[in-house]
């Protein structure tokens, strides 16, 4: 049996969501094929958790000792949202010690986690996006000049964060400083984007059994001002799969989403956000480790595409093992 570490937690506020994702993924891994172990990577330490007991993980080779016996893993199933599991740090570590892992490589993880850099990269491939302004904490900026560039309303968001943490919709000049302060609590870099008036969709794309596939296009109808944390995780939104868009627009969204995936040389599953304006999808961001709790969008999309979660897990692990083979060529 393959020994699989299902890694969850992380160092950001997204750790709560990660721990929920871990449970669905753990349950979806075929227990007859895989020897599964939950591994927590938290600020207070790294440890394997077995029947309520904690066993420290050695960072030398990602092993742990139980009852005097050393245990190692064949593959890591990464379920950490945010740092250090979605921004490239863990991926680079696993490659250094030669341990295969699910999801995309460290460079793609770091690139997509940085919204500004990801948008810049995809713009080279003709993928539309909102107007934006980027500022760093401690640098000088002019609110009037920012508004002149992006207009009102606009969105103020941390450049490197997920789960809509730290994001504000700003409709008046007086709201700007508070929005910046909120964003800077999550990251020292902030991205300010123009408001796009259109249909918001979340698009799941993955490499499934060797084929780049759109698993679903989900329309987001938030009860709040936008698809914020409360809307995502506390039921304050409708998530409609498939999205209520024409066949022509559906084909366009699929084409753009696949192009974004292949342009960045992605592997594993991703979920990207787009705003459709006049039939044209505008890229917002890409999540390389999307939420995987029962209420999350990606499992809903897999169900729509009639992909069993156990088959999805098998495909991810196979991709991880094949990528390790390419390291050794």
C-alpha atoms as a PDB file:
ATOM      1  CA  UNK A   1       0.000   0.000   0.000  1.00  0.00           C
ATOM      2  CA  UNK A   2       1.169   3.510  -0.785  1.00  0.00           C
ATOM      3  CA  UNK A   3       1.875   5.515   2.366  1.00  0.00           C
ATOM      4  CA  UNK A   4       0.114   8.876   1.962  1.00  0.00           C
ATOM      5  CA  UNK A   5       0.574  11.918   4.198  1.00  0.00           C
ATOM      6  CA  UNK A   6      -2.547  14.089   4.044  1.00  0.00           C
ATOM      7  CA  UNK A   7      -1.021  17.436   4.984  1.00  0.00           C
ATOM      8  CA  UNK A   8      -3.195  20.209   6.420  1.00  0.00           C
ATOM      9  CA  UNK A   9      -3.050  23.363   8.510  1.00  0.00           C
ATOM     10  CA  UNK A  10      -0.678  26.130   7.540  1.00  0.00           C
ATOM     11  CA  UNK A  11       0.418  29.400   9.091  1.00  0.00           C
ATOM     12  CA  UNK A  12      -2.402  31.684   7.934  1.00  0.00           C
ATOM     13  CA  UNK A  13      -6.023  32.251   8.921  1.00  0.00           C
ATOM     14  CA  UNK A  14      -6.957  29.770   6.202  1.00  0.00           C
ATOM     15  CA  UNK A  15      -5.755  26.877   8.378  1.00  0.00           C
ATOM     16  CA  UNK A  16      -9.310  26.349   9.673  1.00  0.00           C
ATOM     17  CA  UNK A  17     -10.548  25.741   6.111  1.00  0.00           C
ATOM     18  CA  UNK A  18      -7.549  23.522   5.371  1.00  0.00           C
ATOM     19  CA  UNK A  19      -8.333  21.205   8.277  1.00  0.00           C
ATOM     20  CA  UNK A  20     -11.873  20.772   6.926  1.00  0.00           C
ATOM     21  CA  UNK A  21     -10.553  20.065   3.420  1.00  0.00           C
ATOM     22  CA  UNK A  22      -8.217  17.468   4.876  1.00  0.00           C
ATOM     23  CA  UNK A  23     -11.094  15.438   6.294  1.00  0.00           C
ATOM     24  CA  UNK A  24     -12.955  15.090   2.987  1.00  0.00           C
ATOM     25  CA  UNK A  25      -9.769  14.228   1.100  1.00  0.00           C
ATOM     26  CA  UNK A  26      -8.721  11.728   3.792  1.00  0.00           C
ATOM     27  CA  UNK A  27     -12.154  10.068   3.588  1.00  0.00           C
ATOM     28  CA  UNK A  28     -12.041  10.022  -0.228  1.00  0.00           C
ATOM     29  CA  UNK A  29      -8.701   8.199  -0.403  1.00  0.00           C
ATOM     30  CA  UNK A  30      -9.369   4.496  -0.898  1.00  0.00           C
ATOM     31  CA  UNK A  31      -8.350   2.850   2.385  1.00  0.00           C
ATOM     32  CA  UNK A  32      -7.715  -0.426   0.554  1.00  0.00           C
ATOM     33  CA  UNK A  33      -5.100   1.246  -1.675  1.00  0.00           C
ATOM     34  CA  UNK A  34      -3.523   3.808   0.638  1.00  0.00           C
ATOM     35  CA  UNK A  35      -2.081   3.810   4.145  1.00  0.00           C
ATOM     36  CA  UNK A  36      -3.310   7.284   5.145  1.00  0.00           C
ATOM     37  CA  UNK A  37      -1.895   9.542   7.864  1.00  0.00           C
ATOM     38  CA  UNK A  38      -3.029  13.030   8.806  1.00  0.00           C
ATOM     39  CA  UNK A  39      -0.067  15.402   9.121  1.00  0.00           C
ATOM     40  CA  UNK A  40      -0.469  18.850  10.649  1.00  0.00           C
ATOM     41  CA  UNK A  41       1.842  21.705   9.659  1.00  0.00           C
ATOM     42  CA  UNK A  42       1.113  24.496  12.118  1.00  0.00           C
ATOM     43  CA  UNK A  43       2.979  27.418  13.659  1.00  0.00           C
ATOM     44  CA  UNK A  44       3.343  25.432  16.875  1.00  0.00           C
ATOM     45  CA  UNK A  45       4.945  22.496  15.068  1.00  0.00           C
ATOM     46  CA  UNK A  46       4.781  19.702  12.490  1.00  0.00           C
ATOM     47  CA  UNK A  47       3.353  16.371  13.601  1.00  0.00           C
ATOM     48  CA  UNK A  48       1.527  13.241  12.476  1.00  0.00           C
ATOM     49  CA  UNK A  49      -1.816  12.806  14.204  1.00  0.00           C
ATOM     50  CA  UNK A  50      -2.933   9.217  14.799  1.00  0.00           C
ATOM     51  CA  UNK A  51      -5.913   8.372  17.006  1.00  0.00           C
ATOM     52  CA  UNK A  52      -5.560  11.663  18.858  1.00  0.00           C
ATOM     53  CA  UNK A  53      -1.833  11.219  19.534  1.00  0.00           C
ATOM     54  CA  UNK A  54       0.808  13.557  18.097  1.00  0.00           C
ATOM     55  CA  UNK A  55       4.123  12.349  16.681  1.00  0.00           C
ATOM     56  CA  UNK A  56       6.666  15.061  15.707  1.00  0.00           C
ATOM     57  CA  UNK A  57       7.704  15.167  12.051  1.00  0.00           C
ATOM     58  CA  UNK A  58      11.427  15.222  11.313  1.00  0.00           C
ATOM     59  CA  UNK A  59      12.102  17.966   8.762  1.00  0.00           C
ATOM     60  CA  UNK A  60      15.197  16.091   7.620  1.00  0.00           C
ATOM     61  CA  UNK A  61      13.137  13.563   5.657  1.00  0.00           C
ATOM     62  CA  UNK A  62       9.493  14.200   6.645  1.00  0.00           C
ATOM     63  CA  UNK A  63       9.329  11.061   8.791  1.00  0.00           C
ATOM     64  CA  UNK A  64       8.033  10.363  12.287  1.00  0.00           C
ATOM     65  CA  UNK A  65       8.735   7.768  14.950  1.00  0.00           C
ATOM     66  CA  UNK A  66       6.024   5.759  16.678  1.00  0.00           C
ATOM     67  CA  UNK A  67       6.742   3.090  19.312  1.00  0.00           C
ATOM     68  CA  UNK A  68      10.407   3.196  18.383  1.00  0.00           C
ATOM     69  CA  UNK A  69       9.737   2.569  14.678  1.00  0.00           C
ATOM     70  CA  UNK A  70      10.472   5.128  11.964  1.00  0.00           C
ATOM     71  CA  UNK A  71       7.653   5.835   9.479  1.00  0.00           C
ATOM     72  CA  UNK A  72       8.157   7.481   6.084  1.00  0.00           C
ATOM     73  CA  UNK A  73       5.807   8.396   3.236  1.00  0.00           C
ATOM     74  CA  UNK A  74       5.624   7.580  -0.464  1.00  0.00           C
ATOM     75  CA  UNK A  75       3.631  10.683  -1.426  1.00  0.00           C
ATOM     76  CA  UNK A  76       2.148  13.832   0.118  1.00  0.00           C
ATOM     77  CA  UNK A  77      -1.429  14.934  -0.530  1.00  0.00           C
ATOM     78  CA  UNK A  78      -1.172  18.662   0.103  1.00  0.00           C
ATOM     79  CA  UNK A  79      -4.362  20.308   1.429  1.00  0.00           C
ATOM     80  CA  UNK A  80      -2.875  23.502   2.907  1.00  0.00           C
ATOM     81  CA  UNK A  81      -4.522  26.734   1.734  1.00  0.00           C
ATOM     82  CA  UNK A  82      -2.290  29.775   2.070  1.00  0.00           C
ATOM     83  CA  UNK A  83       1.264  29.764   3.374  1.00  0.00           C
ATOM     84  CA  UNK A  84       3.373  27.606   3.413  1.00  0.00           C
ATOM     85  CA  UNK A  85       1.439  25.038   1.373  1.00  0.00           C
ATOM     86  CA  UNK A  86       0.034  27.113  -1.479  1.00  0.00           C
ATOM     87  CA  UNK A  87       2.809  29.644  -2.061  1.00  0.00           C
ATOM     88  CA  UNK A  88       5.647  27.308  -3.082  1.00  0.00           C
ATOM     89  CA  UNK A  89       7.567  26.908   0.176  1.00  0.00           C
ATOM     90  CA  UNK A  90       6.478  23.361   0.997  1.00  0.00           C
ATOM     91  CA  UNK A  91       6.637  22.308  -2.641  1.00  0.00           C
ATOM     92  CA  UNK A  92      10.275  23.392  -2.856  1.00  0.00           C
ATOM     93  CA  UNK A  93      11.030  21.580   0.413  1.00  0.00           C
ATOM     94  CA  UNK A  94       9.441  18.345  -0.804  1.00  0.00           C
ATOM     95  CA  UNK A  95      11.423  18.512  -4.045  1.00  0.00           C
ATOM     96  CA  UNK A  96      14.653  19.047  -2.098  1.00  0.00           C
ATOM     97  CA  UNK A  97      14.089  15.884  -0.069  1.00  0.00           C
ATOM     98  CA  UNK A  98      12.765  13.943  -3.086  1.00  0.00           C
ATOM     99  CA  UNK A  99       9.227  13.379  -1.809  1.00  0.00           C
ATOM    100  CA  UNK A 100       6.443  13.550  -4.451  1.00  0.00           C
ATOM    101  CA  UNK A 101       3.432  15.747  -3.711  1.00  0.00           C
ATOM    102  CA  UNK A 102       0.078  16.565  -5.271  1.00  0.00           C
ATOM    103  CA  UNK A 103      -0.739  19.864  -6.935  1.00  0.00           C
ATOM    104  CA  UNK A 104       1.469  22.081  -9.056  1.00  0.00           C
ATOM    105  CA  UNK A 105       5.257  22.626  -8.715  1.00  0.00           C
ATOM    106  CA  UNK A 106       6.776  25.281  -6.452  1.00  0.00           C
ATOM    107  CA  UNK A 107       7.240  27.925  -9.170  1.00  0.00           C
ATOM    108  CA  UNK A 108       3.610  27.771 -10.304  1.00  0.00           C
ATOM    109  CA  UNK A 109       2.488  27.794  -6.657  1.00  0.00           C
ATOM    110  CA  UNK A 110       4.465  30.944  -5.911  1.00  0.00           C
ATOM    111  CA  UNK A 111       3.386  32.646  -9.143  1.00  0.00           C
ATOM    112  CA  UNK A 112      -0.346  32.032  -8.767  1.00  0.00           C
ATOM    113  CA  UNK A 113      -0.299  32.950  -5.072  1.00  0.00           C
ATOM    114  CA  UNK A 114       0.993  36.382  -6.098  1.00  0.00           C
ATOM    115  CA  UNK A 115      -2.061  37.925  -7.782  1.00  0.00           C
ATOM    116  CA  UNK A 116      -0.124  40.775  -9.409  1.00  0.00           C
ATOM    117  CA  UNK A 117       2.502  38.509 -10.962  1.00  0.00           C
ATOM    118  CA  UNK A 118      -0.028  35.918 -12.096  1.00  0.00           C
ATOM    119  CA  UNK A 119      -2.128  38.561 -13.871  1.00  0.00           C
ATOM    120  CA  UNK A 120       1.007  39.968 -15.512  1.00  0.00           C
ATOM    121  CA  UNK A 121       2.037  36.518 -16.751  1.00  0.00           C
ATOM    122  CA  UNK A 122      -1.394  35.661 -18.143  1.00  0.00           C
ATOM    123  CA  UNK A 123      -1.761  39.034 -19.863  1.00  0.00           C
ATOM    124  CA  UNK A 124       1.031  37.877 -22.217  1.00  0.00           C
ATOM    125  CA  UNK A 125      -1.365  35.174 -23.414  1.00  0.00           C
ATOM    126  CA  UNK A 126      -4.183  37.605 -24.198  1.00  0.00           C
ATOM    127  CA  UNK A 127      -6.327  36.864 -21.142  1.00  0.00           C
ATOM    128  CA  UNK A 128      -8.343  39.979 -20.143  1.00  0.00           C
ATOM    129  CA  UNK A 129      -8.293  41.306 -16.578  1.00  0.00           C
ATOM    130  CA  UNK A 130      -9.332  44.319 -14.521  1.00  0.00           C
ATOM    131  CA  UNK A 131      -7.286  47.531 -14.372  1.00  0.00           C
ATOM    132  CA  UNK A 132      -5.114  47.494 -11.266  1.00  0.00           C
ATOM    133  CA  UNK A 133      -2.679  49.422  -9.090  1.00  0.00           C
ATOM    134  CA  UNK A 134      -0.115  47.773  -6.821  1.00  0.00           C
ATOM    135  CA  UNK A 135       1.325  49.314  -3.634  1.00  0.00           C
ATOM    136  CA  UNK A 136       3.632  48.128  -0.875  1.00  0.00           C
ATOM    137  CA  UNK A 137       3.283  48.889   2.813  1.00  0.00           C
ATOM    138  CA  UNK A 138       5.391  51.888   3.830  1.00  0.00           C
ATOM    139  CA  UNK A 139       5.622  53.391   0.347  1.00  0.00           C
ATOM    140  CA  UNK A 140       4.041  56.655  -0.735  1.00  0.00           C
ATOM    141  CA  UNK A 141       0.818  56.569  -2.700  1.00  0.00           C
ATOM    142  CA  UNK A 142      -1.879  58.977  -3.850  1.00  0.00           C
ATOM    143  CA  UNK A 143      -5.462  57.888  -3.294  1.00  0.00           C
ATOM    144  CA  UNK A 144      -6.707  60.392  -5.851  1.00  0.00           C
ATOM    145  CA  UNK A 145      -4.296  59.042  -8.454  1.00  0.00           C
ATOM    146  CA  UNK A 146      -5.283  55.444  -7.675  1.00  0.00           C
ATOM    147  CA  UNK A 147      -8.950  56.306  -8.103  1.00  0.00           C
ATOM    148  CA  UNK A 148      -8.161  58.107 -11.338  1.00  0.00           C
ATOM    149  CA  UNK A 149      -6.553  54.887 -12.619  1.00  0.00           C
ATOM    150  CA  UNK A 150      -9.098  52.285 -11.466  1.00  0.00           C
ATOM    151  CA  UNK A 151     -12.253  54.301 -10.741  1.00  0.00           C
ATOM    152  CA  UNK A 152     -14.941  53.741  -8.129  1.00  0.00           C
ATOM    153  CA  UNK A 153     -16.159  51.371  -6.932  1.00  0.00           C
ATOM    154  CA  UNK A 154     -12.996  49.279  -6.733  1.00  0.00           C
ATOM    155  CA  UNK A 155     -11.614  46.342  -4.782  1.00  0.00           C
ATOM    156  CA  UNK A 156      -8.745  46.576  -2.310  1.00  0.00           C
ATOM    157  CA  UNK A 157      -7.194  43.199  -1.590  1.00  0.00           C
ATOM    158  CA  UNK A 158      -4.030  41.612  -0.196  1.00  0.00           C
ATOM    159  CA  UNK A 159      -1.772  40.604  -3.060  1.00  0.00           C
ATOM    160  CA  UNK A 160      -0.938  37.240  -1.480  1.00  0.00           C
ATOM    161  CA  UNK A 161      -3.865  35.802   0.439  1.00  0.00           C
ATOM    162  CA  UNK A 162      -6.828  33.497  -0.097  1.00  0.00           C
ATOM    163  CA  UNK A 163     -10.392  32.801   1.047  1.00  0.00           C
ATOM    164  CA  UNK A 164     -11.235  36.487   0.394  1.00  0.00           C
ATOM    165  CA  UNK A 165      -9.464  37.461   3.621  1.00  0.00           C
ATOM    166  CA  UNK A 166      -8.689  41.175   3.884  1.00  0.00           C
ATOM    167  CA  UNK A 167     -10.692  42.196   0.804  1.00  0.00           C
ATOM    168  CA  UNK A 168     -12.920  45.290   0.729  1.00  0.00           C
ATOM    169  CA  UNK A 169     -15.159  46.838  -1.880  1.00  0.00           C
ATOM    170  CA  UNK A 170     -14.603  50.603  -1.825  1.00  0.00           C
ATOM    171  CA  UNK A 171     -17.345  52.857  -3.129  1.00  0.00           C
ATOM    172  CA  UNK A 172     -16.208  56.228  -1.717  1.00  0.00           C
ATOM    173  CA  UNK A 173     -12.898  58.003  -1.102  1.00  0.00           C
ATOM    174  CA  UNK A 174     -13.540  58.041   2.660  1.00  0.00           C
ATOM    175  CA  UNK A 175     -13.536  54.224   2.766  1.00  0.00           C
ATOM    176  CA  UNK A 176     -10.106  53.860   1.187  1.00  0.00           C
ATOM    177  CA  UNK A 177      -7.767  54.118   4.196  1.00  0.00           C
ATOM    178  CA  UNK A 178      -9.745  51.602   6.269  1.00  0.00           C
ATOM    179  CA  UNK A 179      -9.741  49.180   3.334  1.00  0.00           C
ATOM    180  CA  UNK A 180      -5.972  49.525   2.929  1.00  0.00           C
ATOM    181  CA  UNK A 181      -5.425  48.956   6.641  1.00  0.00           C
ATOM    182  CA  UNK A 182      -7.548  45.811   6.486  1.00  0.00           C
ATOM    183  CA  UNK A 183      -5.637  44.470   3.476  1.00  0.00           C
ATOM    184  CA  UNK A 184      -2.254  45.257   5.015  1.00  0.00           C
ATOM    185  CA  UNK A 185      -3.118  43.085   8.035  1.00  0.00           C
ATOM    186  CA  UNK A 186      -2.968  40.091   5.664  1.00  0.00           C
ATOM    187  CA  UNK A 187      -0.031  41.089   3.458  1.00  0.00           C
ATOM    188  CA  UNK A 188       2.510  43.880   3.041  1.00  0.00           C
ATOM    189  CA  UNK A 189       1.542  44.116  -0.640  1.00  0.00           C
ATOM    190  CA  UNK A 190      -1.878  45.321  -1.796  1.00  0.00           C
ATOM    191  CA  UNK A 191      -3.608  45.156  -5.155  1.00  0.00           C
ATOM    192  CA  UNK A 192      -6.371  47.641  -6.032  1.00  0.00           C
ATOM    193  CA  UNK A 193      -8.577  46.562  -8.932  1.00  0.00           C
ATOM    194  CA  UNK A 194     -11.322  48.226 -10.923  1.00  0.00           C
ATOM    195  CA  UNK A 195     -14.876  46.988 -10.477  1.00  0.00           C
ATOM    196  CA  UNK A 196     -16.086  44.742 -13.284  1.00  0.00           C
ATOM    197  CA  UNK A 197     -19.849  44.737 -13.735  1.00  0.00           C
ATOM    198  CA  UNK A 198     -20.707  41.235 -14.877  1.00  0.00           C
ATOM    199  CA  UNK A 199     -21.389  37.621 -13.959  1.00  0.00           C
ATOM    200  CA  UNK A 200     -18.937  36.070 -11.510  1.00  0.00           C
ATOM    201  CA  UNK A 201     -17.986  32.463 -12.177  1.00  0.00           C
ATOM    202  CA  UNK A 202     -15.636  29.996 -10.553  1.00  0.00           C
ATOM    203  CA  UNK A 203     -14.062  27.526 -12.976  1.00  0.00           C
ATOM    204  CA  UNK A 204     -12.534  24.209 -11.950  1.00  0.00           C
ATOM    205  CA  UNK A 205      -9.775  22.949 -14.232  1.00  0.00           C
ATOM    206  CA  UNK A 206      -7.532  19.942 -13.727  1.00  0.00           C
ATOM    207  CA  UNK A 207      -5.367  17.388 -15.425  1.00  0.00           C
ATOM    208  CA  UNK A 208      -7.568  14.333 -15.006  1.00  0.00           C
ATOM    209  CA  UNK A 209      -6.217  11.017 -16.225  1.00  0.00           C
ATOM    210  CA  UNK A 210      -3.985  12.794 -18.736  1.00  0.00           C
ATOM    211  CA  UNK A 211      -6.601  15.219 -20.102  1.00  0.00           C
ATOM    212  CA  UNK A 212      -6.949  18.943 -19.343  1.00  0.00           C
ATOM    213  CA  UNK A 213     -10.581  19.165 -18.299  1.00  0.00           C
ATOM    214  CA  UNK A 214     -12.996  21.852 -17.113  1.00  0.00           C
ATOM    215  CA  UNK A 215     -14.945  20.090 -14.371  1.00  0.00           C
ATOM    216  CA  UNK A 216     -17.511  22.824 -13.962  1.00  0.00           C
ATOM    217  CA  UNK A 217     -18.417  26.492 -14.288  1.00  0.00           C
ATOM    218  CA  UNK A 218     -20.157  27.727 -11.161  1.00  0.00           C
ATOM    219  CA  UNK A 219     -22.064  31.008 -11.077  1.00  0.00           C
ATOM    220  CA  UNK A 220     -21.596  32.958  -7.854  1.00  0.00           C
ATOM    221  CA  UNK A 221     -24.508  35.041  -6.582  1.00  0.00           C
ATOM    222  CA  UNK A 222     -23.470  36.632  -3.291  1.00  0.00           C
ATOM    223  CA  UNK A 223     -25.896  38.040  -0.755  1.00  0.00           C
ATOM    224  CA  UNK A 224     -23.120  40.417   0.315  1.00  0.00           C
ATOM    225  CA  UNK A 225     -21.368  43.157  -1.639  1.00  0.00           C
ATOM    226  CA  UNK A 226     -19.063  40.547  -3.165  1.00  0.00           C
ATOM    227  CA  UNK A 227     -17.946  36.911  -2.728  1.00  0.00           C
ATOM    228  CA  UNK A 228     -16.271  37.496   0.643  1.00  0.00           C
ATOM    229  CA  UNK A 229     -15.351  35.050   3.424  1.00  0.00           C
ATOM    230  CA  UNK A 230     -18.877  35.039   4.831  1.00  0.00           C
ATOM    231  CA  UNK A 231     -20.367  34.371   1.399  1.00  0.00           C
ATOM    232  CA  UNK A 232     -17.852  31.591   0.692  1.00  0.00           C
ATOM    233  CA  UNK A 233     -17.991  29.703   3.961  1.00  0.00           C
ATOM    234  CA  UNK A 234     -21.055  30.797   5.899  1.00  0.00           C
ATOM    235  CA  UNK A 235     -23.783  30.263   3.337  1.00  0.00           C
ATOM    236  CA  UNK A 236     -24.228  33.876   2.234  1.00  0.00           C
ATOM    237  CA  UNK A 237     -24.226  33.046  -1.463  1.00  0.00           C
ATOM    238  CA  UNK A 238     -25.793  30.895  -4.145  1.00  0.00           C
ATOM    239  CA  UNK A 239     -23.397  28.648  -6.050  1.00  0.00           C
ATOM    240  CA  UNK A 240     -25.094  27.528  -9.247  1.00  0.00           C
ATOM    241  CA  UNK A 241     -23.520  24.730 -11.311  1.00  0.00           C
ATOM    242  CA  UNK A 242     -23.660  24.924 -14.263  1.00  0.00           C
ATOM    243  CA  UNK A 243     -23.633  28.709 -14.544  1.00  0.00           C
ATOM    244  CA  UNK A 244     -26.654  30.316 -16.219  1.00  0.00           C
ATOM    245  CA  UNK A 245     -24.784  31.443 -19.319  1.00  0.00           C
ATOM    246  CA  UNK A 246     -25.235  30.702 -23.009  1.00  0.00           C
ATOM    247  CA  UNK A 247     -23.520  27.820 -24.774  1.00  0.00           C
ATOM    248  CA  UNK A 248     -21.399  30.345 -26.667  1.00  0.00           C
ATOM    249  CA  UNK A 249     -20.204  32.055 -23.482  1.00  0.00           C
ATOM    250  CA  UNK A 250     -19.666  28.652 -21.824  1.00  0.00           C
ATOM    251  CA  UNK A 251     -17.328  27.639 -24.653  1.00  0.00           C
ATOM    252  CA  UNK A 252     -15.469  30.946 -24.337  1.00  0.00           C
ATOM    253  CA  UNK A 253     -15.025  30.542 -20.567  1.00  0.00           C
ATOM    254  CA  UNK A 254     -13.784  26.970 -21.030  1.00  0.00           C
ATOM    255  CA  UNK A 255     -11.333  28.056 -23.724  1.00  0.00           C
ATOM    256  CA  UNK A 256      -9.889  30.897 -21.625  1.00  0.00           C
ATOM    257  CA  UNK A 257      -9.734  28.780 -18.447  1.00  0.00           C
ATOM    258  CA  UNK A 258      -7.890  25.972 -20.237  1.00  0.00           C
ATOM    259  CA  UNK A 259      -5.519  28.473 -21.843  1.00  0.00           C
ATOM    260  CA  UNK A 260      -4.711  29.979 -18.435  1.00  0.00           C
ATOM    261  CA  UNK A 261      -4.059  26.492 -17.042  1.00  0.00           C
ATOM    262  CA  UNK A 262      -1.801  25.354 -19.878  1.00  0.00           C
ATOM    263  CA  UNK A 263      -0.034  28.726 -20.243  1.00  0.00           C
ATOM    264  CA  UNK A 264       1.147  28.460 -16.642  1.00  0.00           C
ATOM    265  CA  UNK A 265       2.108  24.794 -17.137  1.00  0.00           C
ATOM    266  CA  UNK A 266      -0.230  23.685 -14.364  1.00  0.00           C
ATOM    267  CA  UNK A 267      -0.787  20.211 -13.000  1.00  0.00           C
ATOM    268  CA  UNK A 268      -3.371  18.987 -10.512  1.00  0.00           C
ATOM    269  CA  UNK A 269      -6.648  20.719  -9.824  1.00  0.00           C
ATOM    270  CA  UNK A 270      -7.212  24.467  -9.810  1.00  0.00           C
ATOM    271  CA  UNK A 271     -10.147  26.809  -9.361  1.00  0.00           C
ATOM    272  CA  UNK A 272     -10.055  30.210 -11.052  1.00  0.00           C
ATOM    273  CA  UNK A 273     -12.351  33.191 -10.683  1.00  0.00           C
ATOM    274  CA  UNK A 274     -13.591  35.216 -13.639  1.00  0.00           C
ATOM    275  CA  UNK A 275     -16.019  38.087 -14.196  1.00  0.00           C
ATOM    276  CA  UNK A 276     -17.853  37.788 -17.506  1.00  0.00           C
ATOM    277  CA  UNK A 277     -18.337  41.211 -19.096  1.00  0.00           C
ATOM    278  CA  UNK A 278     -20.159  41.340 -22.448  1.00  0.00           C
ATOM    279  CA  UNK A 279     -19.476  37.648 -23.000  1.00  0.00           C
ATOM    280  CA  UNK A 280     -15.738  37.927 -22.280  1.00  0.00           C
ATOM    281  CA  UNK A 281     -14.297  36.296 -19.113  1.00  0.00           C
ATOM    282  CA  UNK A 282     -11.892  38.562 -17.205  1.00  0.00           C
ATOM    283  CA  UNK A 283      -9.387  36.756 -14.996  1.00  0.00           C
ATOM    284  CA  UNK A 284      -9.369  37.576 -11.263  1.00  0.00           C
ATOM    285  CA  UNK A 285      -7.232  34.903  -9.601  1.00  0.00           C
ATOM    286  CA  UNK A 286      -6.249  31.240  -9.618  1.00  0.00           C
ATOM    287  CA  UNK A 287      -6.308  28.933  -6.597  1.00  0.00           C
ATOM    288  CA  UNK A 288      -3.994  25.948  -6.902  1.00  0.00           C
ATOM    289  CA  UNK A 289      -5.266  24.300  -3.711  1.00  0.00           C
ATOM    290  CA  UNK A 290      -8.969  25.157  -3.692  1.00  0.00           C
ATOM    291  CA  UNK A 291     -11.155  24.417  -0.708  1.00  0.00           C
ATOM    292  CA  UNK A 292     -12.244  20.796  -0.420  1.00  0.00           C
ATOM    293  CA  UNK A 293     -14.754  20.763   2.413  1.00  0.00           C
ATOM    294  CA  UNK A 294     -18.185  19.254   1.597  1.00  0.00           C
ATOM    295  CA  UNK A 295     -19.504  22.816   1.077  1.00  0.00           C
ATOM    296  CA  UNK A 296     -16.664  23.853  -1.249  1.00  0.00           C
ATOM    297  CA  UNK A 297     -17.166  24.572  -4.935  1.00  0.00           C
ATOM    298  CA  UNK A 298     -14.669  22.115  -6.427  1.00  0.00           C
ATOM    299  CA  UNK A 299     -16.297  18.957  -4.970  1.00  0.00           C
ATOM    300  CA  UNK A 300     -19.647  20.281  -6.234  1.00  0.00           C
ATOM    301  CA  UNK A 301     -18.156  20.649  -9.713  1.00  0.00           C
ATOM    302  CA  UNK A 302     -16.674  17.137  -9.595  1.00  0.00           C
ATOM    303  CA  UNK A 303     -20.125  15.784  -8.723  1.00  0.00           C
ATOM    304  CA  UNK A 304     -21.609  17.736 -11.668  1.00  0.00           C
ATOM    305  CA  UNK A 305     -19.026  16.125 -13.983  1.00  0.00           C
ATOM    306  CA  UNK A 306     -19.790  12.727 -12.447  1.00  0.00           C
ATOM    307  CA  UNK A 307     -16.201  12.263 -11.261  1.00  0.00           C
ATOM    308  CA  UNK A 308     -15.985  10.150  -8.139  1.00  0.00           C
ATOM    309  CA  UNK A 309     -13.811  11.796  -5.491  1.00  0.00           C
ATOM    310  CA  UNK A 310     -11.887   8.556  -5.021  1.00  0.00           C
ATOM    311  CA  UNK A 311     -11.028   8.571  -8.753  1.00  0.00           C
ATOM    312  CA  UNK A 312      -9.991  12.218  -8.476  1.00  0.00           C
ATOM    313  CA  UNK A 313      -7.648  11.361  -5.605  1.00  0.00           C
ATOM    314  CA  UNK A 314      -6.167   8.451  -7.577  1.00  0.00           C
ATOM    315  CA  UNK A 315      -5.493  10.753 -10.535  1.00  0.00           C
ATOM    316  CA  UNK A 316      -3.795  13.359  -8.334  1.00  0.00           C
ATOM    317  CA  UNK A 317      -1.517  10.791  -6.721  1.00  0.00           C
ATOM    318  CA  UNK A 318      -0.606   9.275 -10.087  1.00  0.00           C
ATOM    319  CA  UNK A 319       0.344  12.747 -11.379  1.00  0.00           C
ATOM    320  CA  UNK A 320       2.506  13.309  -8.301  1.00  0.00           C
ATOM    321  CA  UNK A 321       4.347  10.017  -8.732  1.00  0.00           C
ATOM    322  CA  UNK A 322       4.861  10.613 -12.459  1.00  0.00           C
ATOM    323  CA  UNK A 323       6.299  14.071 -11.765  1.00  0.00           C
ATOM    324  CA  UNK A 324       8.864  12.553  -9.400  1.00  0.00           C
ATOM    325  CA  UNK A 325       9.927  10.232 -12.220  1.00  0.00           C
ATOM    326  CA  UNK A 326      10.582  13.307 -14.386  1.00  0.00           C
ATOM    327  CA  UNK A 327      12.865  14.767 -11.655  1.00  0.00           C
ATOM    328  CA  UNK A 328      15.079  11.699 -12.013  1.00  0.00           C
ATOM    329  CA  UNK A 329      15.372  11.774 -15.814  1.00  0.00           C
END
